[in-house]
Protein backbone atom coordinates (compact mmCIF):
# COMPACT_ATOMS: atom_id res chain seq x y z
CA MET A 1 163.30 77.35 225.20
CA GLU A 2 166.55 78.90 226.41
CA HIS A 3 164.74 81.99 227.70
CA ASP A 4 162.12 80.01 229.63
CA PRO A 5 162.40 81.02 233.32
CA PHE A 6 161.80 77.43 234.45
CA TRP A 7 164.66 76.20 232.25
CA ILE A 8 166.94 78.93 233.60
CA ARG A 9 166.12 78.04 237.22
CA GLN A 10 166.77 74.35 236.53
CA ALA A 11 170.04 75.05 234.73
CA ALA A 12 171.15 77.47 237.46
CA ALA A 13 170.43 74.90 240.18
CA ALA A 14 172.48 72.29 238.29
CA ALA A 15 175.26 74.83 237.71
CA ARG A 16 175.39 75.83 241.38
CA GLU A 17 175.51 72.18 242.44
CA ALA A 18 178.34 71.47 239.98
CA LEU A 19 180.26 74.58 241.08
CA THR A 20 179.80 73.73 244.76
CA ASP A 21 181.12 70.22 244.16
CA TYR A 22 184.02 71.55 242.09
CA TYR A 23 185.16 74.23 244.52
CA GLY A 24 184.33 72.12 247.57
CA THR A 25 186.56 69.34 246.28
CA ALA A 26 189.35 71.81 245.62
CA PHE A 27 189.01 73.16 249.17
CA THR A 28 189.10 69.72 250.79
CA CYS A 29 192.10 68.74 248.66
CA GLY A 30 194.23 71.47 250.18
CA MET A 31 193.37 74.59 248.22
CA PRO A 32 192.04 76.98 250.89
CA ALA A 33 191.49 79.79 248.38
CA ALA A 34 188.60 77.76 246.95
CA MET A 35 186.55 78.78 250.00
CA ALA A 36 186.25 82.28 248.51
CA ASP A 37 184.97 80.74 245.27
CA LEU A 38 182.40 78.74 247.24
CA SER A 39 181.15 81.93 248.87
CA HIS A 40 180.99 83.63 245.48
CA VAL A 41 178.82 80.83 244.04
CA GLU A 42 176.09 81.62 246.58
CA MET A 43 175.99 85.26 245.46
CA MET A 44 175.97 84.63 241.69
CA SER A 45 172.90 85.36 239.62
CA ASP A 46 171.38 82.43 237.74
CA GLU A 47 173.03 83.56 234.53
CA GLU A 48 176.42 84.00 236.18
CA ALA A 49 176.28 80.54 237.72
CA ILE A 50 175.41 78.97 234.38
CA GLU A 51 178.20 80.87 232.59
CA GLU A 52 180.81 79.96 235.24
CA ALA A 53 179.87 76.28 235.09
CA ARG A 54 180.03 76.34 231.30
CA ARG A 55 183.41 78.11 231.38
CA LEU A 56 184.77 75.35 233.62
CA HIS A 57 183.16 72.65 231.41
CA LEU A 58 181.05 71.39 234.31
CA ILE A 59 177.76 71.53 232.38
C-alpha cells in the first residue's frame, strides 16, 4: 500500500498542507525566515514533503 501512487499523492497533499500551516504560522508569529521554508515546500517532491512533515512530527 505504501508504494501506491494514489496513497503517495494523498499523503503528499496532507504533508504540504501541514507544512504550509506550520511555516505560515511561524512567519506570522514574527519569524520572517520561515518565508524561505514556505517557498521550499512548493518545490519539494512528494517524497520530500512527506519526509519533512514526518521529521517535524506533523503527520
